[in-house]
All heavy atoms as atom14 arrays in JSON, in Angstrom:
{
  "sequence": "RSGEYQEIIKNSLITWGTLKNDNIVVYNYYGNHDKN",
  "atom14_mask": [
    [1, 1, 1, 1, 1, 1, 1, 1, 1, 1, 1, 0, 0, 0],
    [1, 1, 1, 1, 1, 1, 0, 0, 0, 0, 0, 0, 0, 0],
    [1, 1, 1, 1, 0, 0, 0, 0, 0, 0, 0, 0, 0, 0],
    [1, 1, 1, 1, 1, 1, 1, 1, 1, 0, 0, 0, 0, 0],
    [1, 1, 1, 1, 1, 1, 1, 1, 1, 1, 1, 1, 0, 0],
    [1, 1, 1, 1, 1, 1, 1, 1, 1, 0, 0, 0, 0, 0],
    [1, 1, 1, 1, 1, 1, 1, 1, 1, 0, 0, 0, 0, 0],
    [1, 1, 1, 1, 1, 1, 1, 1, 0, 0, 0, 0, 0, 0],
    [1, 1, 1, 1, 1, 1, 1, 1, 0, 0, 0, 0, 0, 0],
    [1, 1, 1, 1, 1, 1, 1, 1, 1, 0, 0, 0, 0, 0],
    [1, 1, 1, 1, 1, 1, 1, 1, 0, 0, 0, 0, 0, 0],
    [1, 1, 1, 1, 1, 1, 0, 0, 0, 0, 0, 0, 0, 0],
    [1, 1, 1, 1, 1, 1, 1, 1, 0, 0, 0, 0, 0, 0],
    [1, 1, 1, 1, 1, 1, 1, 1, 0, 0, 0, 0, 0, 0],
    [1, 1, 1, 1, 1, 1, 1, 0, 0, 0, 0, 0, 0, 0],
    [1, 1, 1, 1, 1, 1, 1, 1, 1, 1, 1, 1, 1, 1],
    [1, 1, 1, 1, 0, 0, 0, 0, 0, 0, 0, 0, 0, 0],
    [1, 1, 1, 1, 1, 1, 1, 0, 0, 0, 0, 0, 0, 0],
    [1, 1, 1, 1, 1, 1, 1, 1, 0, 0, 0, 0, 0, 0],
    [1, 1, 1, 1, 1, 1, 1, 1, 1, 0, 0, 0, 0, 0],
    [1, 1, 1, 1, 1, 1, 1, 1, 0, 0, 0, 0, 0, 0],
    [1, 1, 1, 1, 1, 1, 1, 1, 0, 0, 0, 0, 0, 0],
    [1, 1, 1, 1, 1, 1, 1, 1, 0, 0, 0, 0, 0, 0],
    [1, 1, 1, 1, 1, 1, 1, 1, 0, 0, 0, 0, 0, 0],
    [1, 1, 1, 1, 1, 1, 1, 0, 0, 0, 0, 0, 0, 0],
    [1, 1, 1, 1, 1, 1, 1, 0, 0, 0, 0, 0, 0, 0],
    [1, 1, 1, 1, 1, 1, 1, 1, 1, 1, 1, 1, 0, 0],
    [1, 1, 1, 1, 1, 1, 1, 1, 0, 0, 0, 0, 0, 0],
    [1, 1, 1, 1, 1, 1, 1, 1, 1, 1, 1, 1, 0, 0],
    [1, 1, 1, 1, 1, 1, 1, 1, 1, 1, 1, 1, 0, 0],
    [1, 1, 1, 1, 0, 0, 0, 0, 0, 0, 0, 0, 0, 0],
    [1, 1, 1, 1, 1, 1, 1, 1, 0, 0, 0, 0, 0, 0],
    [1, 1, 1, 1, 1, 1, 1, 1, 1, 1, 0, 0, 0, 0],
    [1, 1, 1, 1, 1, 1, 1, 1, 0, 0, 0, 0, 0, 0],
    [1, 1, 1, 1, 1, 1, 1, 1, 1, 0, 0, 0, 0, 0],
    [1, 1, 1, 1, 1, 1, 1, 1, 0, 0, 0, 0, 0, 0]
  ],
  "atom14_positions": [
    [[45.87, 90.57, -2.25], [46.17, 90.36, -0.84], [47.65, 90.1, -0.6], [48.13, 90.16, 0.52], [45.38, 89.16, -0.31], [43.87, 89.36, -0.37], [43.42, 90.51, 0.51], [41.97, 90.62, 0.55], [41.31, 91.64, 1.09], [41.98, 92.65, 1.6], [39.99, 91.68, 1.1], [0.0, 0.0, 0.0], [0.0, 0.0, 0.0], [0.0, 0.0, 0.0]],
    [[48.39, 89.77, -1.65], [49.8, 89.42, -1.5], [50.7, 90.64, -1.45], [50.31, 91.75, -1.85], [50.23, 88.52, -2.67], [50.04, 89.19, -3.9], [0.0, 0.0, 0.0], [0.0, 0.0, 0.0], [0.0, 0.0, 0.0], [0.0, 0.0, 0.0], [0.0, 0.0, 0.0], [0.0, 0.0, 0.0], [0.0, 0.0, 0.0], [0.0, 0.0, 0.0]],
    [[51.91, 90.44, -0.94], [52.9, 91.49, -0.94], [52.45, 92.72, -0.17], [51.77, 92.63, 0.85], [0.0, 0.0, 0.0], [0.0, 0.0, 0.0], [0.0, 0.0, 0.0], [0.0, 0.0, 0.0], [0.0, 0.0, 0.0], [0.0, 0.0, 0.0], [0.0, 0.0, 0.0], [0.0, 0.0, 0.0], [0.0, 0.0, 0.0], [0.0, 0.0, 0.0]],
    [[52.8, 93.88, -0.68], [52.52, 95.15, 0.02], [51.34, 95.91, -0.6], [51.11, 97.07, -0.28], [53.75, 96.04, -0.02], [54.96, 95.44, 0.71], [56.18, 96.33, 0.57], [56.17, 97.45, 1.12], [57.12, 95.92, -0.12], [0.0, 0.0, 0.0], [0.0, 0.0, 0.0], [0.0, 0.0, 0.0], [0.0, 0.0, 0.0], [0.0, 0.0, 0.0]],
    [[50.58, 95.24, -1.47], [49.51, 95.95, -2.19], [48.5, 96.58, -1.25], [48.05, 97.71, -1.48], [48.82, 95.02, -3.17], [49.71, 94.59, -4.32], [50.18, 93.3, -4.42], [50.09, 95.51, -5.3], [51.01, 92.9, -5.46], [50.91, 95.13, -6.35], [51.37, 93.83, -6.43], [52.2, 93.46, -7.45], [0.0, 0.0, 0.0], [0.0, 0.0, 0.0]],
    [[48.11, 95.86, -0.2], [47.11, 96.41, 0.72], [47.63, 97.67, 1.41], [46.91, 98.64, 1.57], [46.72, 95.36, 1.75], [45.85, 94.25, 1.2], [45.51, 93.22, 2.24], [46.29, 92.32, 2.51], [44.37, 93.36, 2.85], [0.0, 0.0, 0.0], [0.0, 0.0, 0.0], [0.0, 0.0, 0.0], [0.0, 0.0, 0.0], [0.0, 0.0, 0.0]],
    [[48.9, 97.64, 1.79], [49.49, 98.8, 2.44], [49.57, 99.98, 1.49], [49.29, 101.14, 1.86], [50.89, 98.44, 2.95], [51.56, 99.51, 3.79], [52.93, 99.08, 4.28], [53.23, 97.88, 4.23], [53.68, 99.97, 4.73], [0.0, 0.0, 0.0], [0.0, 0.0, 0.0], [0.0, 0.0, 0.0], [0.0, 0.0, 0.0], [0.0, 0.0, 0.0]],
    [[49.92, 99.7, 0.23], [50.01, 100.77, -0.77], [48.64, 101.38, -1.04], [48.49, 102.6, -1.12], [50.63, 100.22, -2.07], [52.11, 99.84, -1.84], [50.54, 101.25, -3.2], [52.72, 99.04, -2.96], [0.0, 0.0, 0.0], [0.0, 0.0, 0.0], [0.0, 0.0, 0.0], [0.0, 0.0, 0.0], [0.0, 0.0, 0.0], [0.0, 0.0, 0.0]],
    [[47.62, 100.53, -1.18], [46.27, 101.03, -1.44], [45.74, 101.83, -0.26], [45.11, 102.88, -0.42], [45.32, 99.87, -1.78], [45.68, 99.28, -3.15], [43.87, 100.34, -1.79], [44.94, 98.03, -3.5], [0.0, 0.0, 0.0], [0.0, 0.0, 0.0], [0.0, 0.0, 0.0], [0.0, 0.0, 0.0], [0.0, 0.0, 0.0], [0.0, 0.0, 0.0]],
    [[46.0, 101.35, 0.94], [45.58, 102.1, 2.13], [46.19, 103.5, 2.11], [45.51, 104.49, 2.42], [46.03, 101.36, 3.39], [45.59, 102.03, 4.67], [46.04, 101.22, 5.89], [45.62, 101.93, 7.19], [46.07, 101.16, 8.38], [0.0, 0.0, 0.0], [0.0, 0.0, 0.0], [0.0, 0.0, 0.0], [0.0, 0.0, 0.0], [0.0, 0.0, 0.0]],
    [[47.45, 103.6, 1.71], [48.08, 104.91, 1.61], [47.47, 105.75, 0.5], [47.34, 106.97, 0.64], [49.58, 104.73, 1.36], [50.35, 106.02, 1.5], [50.53, 106.53, 2.6], [50.78, 106.57, 0.37], [0.0, 0.0, 0.0], [0.0, 0.0, 0.0], [0.0, 0.0, 0.0], [0.0, 0.0, 0.0], [0.0, 0.0, 0.0], [0.0, 0.0, 0.0]],
    [[47.07, 105.11, -0.61], [46.4, 105.83, -1.69], [45.14, 106.54, -1.19], [44.86, 107.67, -1.55], [46.03, 104.87, -2.83], [47.18, 104.3, -3.4], [0.0, 0.0, 0.0], [0.0, 0.0, 0.0], [0.0, 0.0, 0.0], [0.0, 0.0, 0.0], [0.0, 0.0, 0.0], [0.0, 0.0, 0.0], [0.0, 0.0, 0.0], [0.0, 0.0, 0.0]],
    [[44.4, 105.83, -0.36], [43.12, 106.36, 0.11], [43.27, 107.51, 1.08], [42.34, 108.31, 1.25], [42.29, 105.23, 0.74], [41.9, 104.09, -0.22], [41.19, 102.98, 0.52], [41.04, 104.61, -1.36], [0.0, 0.0, 0.0], [0.0, 0.0, 0.0], [0.0, 0.0, 0.0], [0.0, 0.0, 0.0], [0.0, 0.0, 0.0], [0.0, 0.0, 0.0]],
    [[44.44, 107.64, 1.72], [44.63, 108.76, 2.64], [45.48, 109.87, 2.01], [45.78, 110.87, 2.65], [45.26, 108.31, 3.97], [46.63, 107.69, 3.75], [44.34, 107.34, 4.7], [47.37, 107.33, 5.05], [0.0, 0.0, 0.0], [0.0, 0.0, 0.0], [0.0, 0.0, 0.0], [0.0, 0.0, 0.0], [0.0, 0.0, 0.0], [0.0, 0.0, 0.0]],
    [[45.88, 109.65, 0.75], [46.57, 110.73, 0.01], [45.63, 111.17, -1.11], [44.72, 111.95, -0.9], [47.94, 110.26, -0.51], [47.81, 109.05, -1.27], [48.92, 110.06, 0.63], [0.0, 0.0, 0.0], [0.0, 0.0, 0.0], [0.0, 0.0, 0.0], [0.0, 0.0, 0.0], [0.0, 0.0, 0.0], [0.0, 0.0, 0.0], [0.0, 0.0, 0.0]],
    [[45.84, 110.63, -2.34], [45.02, 111.11, -3.46], [43.56, 110.74, -3.32], [42.68, 111.42, -3.87], [45.6, 110.64, -4.79], [45.64, 109.16, -5.07], [46.71, 108.32, -4.92], [44.58, 108.35, -5.59], [46.39, 107.05, -5.31], [45.09, 107.05, -5.74], [43.27, 108.6, -5.96], [44.32, 105.97, -6.22], [42.48, 107.55, -6.44], [43.02, 106.26, -6.57]],
    [[43.25, 109.69, -2.54], [41.84, 109.3, -2.35], [41.02, 110.36, -1.65], [39.79, 110.38, -1.75], [0.0, 0.0, 0.0], [0.0, 0.0, 0.0], [0.0, 0.0, 0.0], [0.0, 0.0, 0.0], [0.0, 0.0, 0.0], [0.0, 0.0, 0.0], [0.0, 0.0, 0.0], [0.0, 0.0, 0.0], [0.0, 0.0, 0.0], [0.0, 0.0, 0.0]],
    [[41.67, 111.26, -0.92], [40.94, 112.32, -0.21], [40.5, 113.44, -1.16], [39.76, 114.33, -0.75], [41.82, 112.94, 0.89], [42.98, 113.54, 0.3], [42.26, 111.88, 1.89], [0.0, 0.0, 0.0], [0.0, 0.0, 0.0], [0.0, 0.0, 0.0], [0.0, 0.0, 0.0], [0.0, 0.0, 0.0], [0.0, 0.0, 0.0], [0.0, 0.0, 0.0]],
    [[40.94, 113.37, -2.42], [40.6, 114.41, -3.38], [39.23, 114.19, -4.03], [38.82, 114.99, -4.86], [41.68, 114.49, -4.47], [43.11, 114.72, -3.99], [44.09, 114.58, -5.16], [43.25, 116.07, -3.33], [0.0, 0.0, 0.0], [0.0, 0.0, 0.0], [0.0, 0.0, 0.0], [0.0, 0.0, 0.0], [0.0, 0.0, 0.0], [0.0, 0.0, 0.0]],
    [[38.56, 113.12, -3.67], [37.27, 112.83, -4.29], [36.19, 113.82, -3.83], [36.33, 114.47, -2.79], [36.84, 111.4, -3.96], [36.55, 111.15, -2.49], [36.24, 109.69, -2.25], [35.97, 109.44, -0.77], [35.68, 108.02, -0.49], [0.0, 0.0, 0.0], [0.0, 0.0, 0.0], [0.0, 0.0, 0.0], [0.0, 0.0, 0.0], [0.0, 0.0, 0.0]],
    [[35.14, 113.91, -4.62], [33.99, 114.72, -4.25], [32.74, 113.85, -4.29], [32.85, 112.63, -4.43], [33.86, 115.95, -5.16], [33.68, 115.56, -6.63], [32.94, 114.65, -6.97], [34.38, 116.28, -7.51], [0.0, 0.0, 0.0], [0.0, 0.0, 0.0], [0.0, 0.0, 0.0], [0.0, 0.0, 0.0], [0.0, 0.0, 0.0], [0.0, 0.0, 0.0]],
    [[31.57, 114.45, -4.15], [30.33, 113.65, -4.09], [30.06, 112.9, -5.39], [29.25, 111.96, -5.4], [29.14, 114.56, -3.78], [29.18, 115.09, -2.35], [29.9, 114.51, -1.52], [28.51, 116.11, -2.08], [0.0, 0.0, 0.0], [0.0, 0.0, 0.0], [0.0, 0.0, 0.0], [0.0, 0.0, 0.0], [0.0, 0.0, 0.0], [0.0, 0.0, 0.0]],
    [[30.7, 113.3, -6.48], [30.5, 112.64, -7.78], [31.62, 111.68, -8.14], [31.66, 111.18, -9.26], [30.36, 113.7, -8.87], [29.09, 114.51, -8.72], [28.02, 113.96, -8.51], [29.2, 115.83, -8.83], [0.0, 0.0, 0.0], [0.0, 0.0, 0.0], [0.0, 0.0, 0.0], [0.0, 0.0, 0.0], [0.0, 0.0, 0.0], [0.0, 0.0, 0.0]],
    [[32.51, 111.42, -7.19], [33.6, 110.47, -7.41], [33.57, 109.42, -6.31], [33.61, 109.75, -5.12], [34.98, 111.16, -7.41], [35.04, 112.29, -8.45], [36.08, 110.14, -7.68], [36.34, 113.09, -8.4], [0.0, 0.0, 0.0], [0.0, 0.0, 0.0], [0.0, 0.0, 0.0], [0.0, 0.0, 0.0], [0.0, 0.0, 0.0], [0.0, 0.0, 0.0]],
    [[33.49, 108.15, -6.71], [33.51, 107.04, -5.76], [34.77, 106.23, -6.0], [35.11, 105.95, -7.15], [32.26, 106.15, -5.92], [32.31, 104.97, -4.97], [30.99, 106.96, -5.7], [0.0, 0.0, 0.0], [0.0, 0.0, 0.0], [0.0, 0.0, 0.0], [0.0, 0.0, 0.0], [0.0, 0.0, 0.0], [0.0, 0.0, 0.0], [0.0, 0.0, 0.0]],
    [[35.48, 105.86, -4.92], [36.72, 105.11, -5.03], [36.63, 103.82, -4.22], [36.32, 103.85, -3.02], [37.93, 105.95, -4.53], [39.22, 105.14, -4.68], [38.04, 107.26, -5.28], [0.0, 0.0, 0.0], [0.0, 0.0, 0.0], [0.0, 0.0, 0.0], [0.0, 0.0, 0.0], [0.0, 0.0, 0.0], [0.0, 0.0, 0.0], [0.0, 0.0, 0.0]],
    [[36.91, 102.69, -4.87], [37.0, 101.4, -4.21], [38.25, 100.69, -4.7], [38.69, 100.9, -5.84], [35.79, 100.51, -4.54], [34.5, 100.97, -3.91], [33.57, 101.71, -4.66], [34.19, 100.66, -2.6], [32.38, 102.13, -4.09], [33.01, 101.09, -2.02], [32.1, 101.81, -2.77], [30.92, 102.24, -2.2], [0.0, 0.0, 0.0], [0.0, 0.0, 0.0]],
    [[38.8, 99.85, -3.86], [39.81, 98.9, -4.33], [39.15, 97.52, -4.41], [38.23, 97.22, -3.64], [41.04, 98.87, -3.43], [40.7, 98.75, -1.96], [40.17, 99.66, -1.35], [41.01, 97.61, -1.37], [0.0, 0.0, 0.0], [0.0, 0.0, 0.0], [0.0, 0.0, 0.0], [0.0, 0.0, 0.0], [0.0, 0.0, 0.0], [0.0, 0.0, 0.0]],
    [[39.58, 96.71, -5.36], [38.91, 95.41, -5.51], [39.91, 94.26, -5.4], [41.03, 94.32, -5.87], [38.12, 95.33, -6.82], [38.88, 95.42, -8.12], [39.19, 94.27, -8.86], [39.26, 96.66, -8.64], [39.86, 94.37, -10.07], [39.93, 96.75, -9.85], [40.22, 95.61, -10.56], [40.89, 95.7, -11.77], [0.0, 0.0, 0.0], [0.0, 0.0, 0.0]],
    [[39.42, 93.2, -4.69], [40.21, 92.03, -4.39], [39.43, 90.75, -4.77], [38.2, 90.75, -4.78], [40.51, 91.92, -2.9], [41.36, 93.01, -2.32], [40.8, 93.99, -1.49], [42.72, 93.07, -2.56], [41.59, 94.98, -0.93], [43.52, 94.05, -2.0], [42.94, 95.01, -1.18], [43.71, 95.99, -0.63], [0.0, 0.0, 0.0], [0.0, 0.0, 0.0]],
    [[40.17, 89.69, -5.03], [39.57, 88.37, -5.18], [39.65, 87.59, -3.86], [39.75, 88.18, -2.78], [0.0, 0.0, 0.0], [0.0, 0.0, 0.0], [0.0, 0.0, 0.0], [0.0, 0.0, 0.0], [0.0, 0.0, 0.0], [0.0, 0.0, 0.0], [0.0, 0.0, 0.0], [0.0, 0.0, 0.0], [0.0, 0.0, 0.0], [0.0, 0.0, 0.0]],
    [[39.57, 86.26, -3.98], [39.67, 85.36, -2.83], [38.59, 85.58, -1.79], [38.82, 85.47, -0.58], [41.05, 85.49, -2.16], [42.19, 85.11, -3.08], [42.0, 84.37, -4.05], [43.38, 85.61, -2.83], [0.0, 0.0, 0.0], [0.0, 0.0, 0.0], [0.0, 0.0, 0.0], [0.0, 0.0, 0.0], [0.0, 0.0, 0.0], [0.0, 0.0, 0.0]],
    [[37.38, 85.88, -2.26], [36.24, 86.06, -1.35], [35.16, 85.05, -1.74], [35.14, 84.54, -2.86], [35.72, 87.49, -1.45], [34.87, 87.92, -0.29], [35.34, 87.94, 1.01], [33.58, 88.32, -0.23], [34.37, 88.36, 1.81], [33.29, 88.59, 1.07], [0.0, 0.0, 0.0], [0.0, 0.0, 0.0], [0.0, 0.0, 0.0], [0.0, 0.0, 0.0]],
    [[34.24, 84.78, -0.82], [33.23, 83.76, -1.08], [32.04, 84.27, -1.87], [31.24, 83.48, -2.4], [32.76, 83.11, 0.22], [32.21, 84.12, 1.22], [32.34, 85.33, 0.96], [31.66, 83.69, 2.23], [0.0, 0.0, 0.0], [0.0, 0.0, 0.0], [0.0, 0.0, 0.0], [0.0, 0.0, 0.0], [0.0, 0.0, 0.0], [0.0, 0.0, 0.0]],
    [[31.88, 85.59, -1.98], [30.81, 86.16, -2.78], [31.18, 87.58, -3.17], [32.13, 88.16, -2.63], [29.49, 86.15, -2.02], [29.48, 86.99, -0.77], [28.1, 86.92, -0.1], [28.09, 87.77, 1.19], [26.74, 87.74, 1.82], [0.0, 0.0, 0.0], [0.0, 0.0, 0.0], [0.0, 0.0, 0.0], [0.0, 0.0, 0.0], [0.0, 0.0, 0.0]],
    [[30.42, 88.14, -4.09], [30.68, 89.52, -4.53], [29.94, 90.49, -3.61], [28.72, 90.43, -3.5], [30.2, 89.72, -5.97], [30.86, 88.78, -6.95], [31.98, 88.34, -6.74], [30.15, 88.47, -8.02], [0.0, 0.0, 0.0], [0.0, 0.0, 0.0], [0.0, 0.0, 0.0], [0.0, 0.0, 0.0], [0.0, 0.0, 0.0], [0.0, 0.0, 0.0]]
  ]
}
C-alpha cells in the first residue's frame, strides 16, 4: 500500500495484464487486511 506500488500495479493490469487468456489468472496481493 505504500509509495507508488498501487499505481504501478494498476498500470500493469492495463498493459501486460491484458495479455491473459482464459487459462491465465492475474491478481496482486496486499497485506494489512482483516481477513484473507
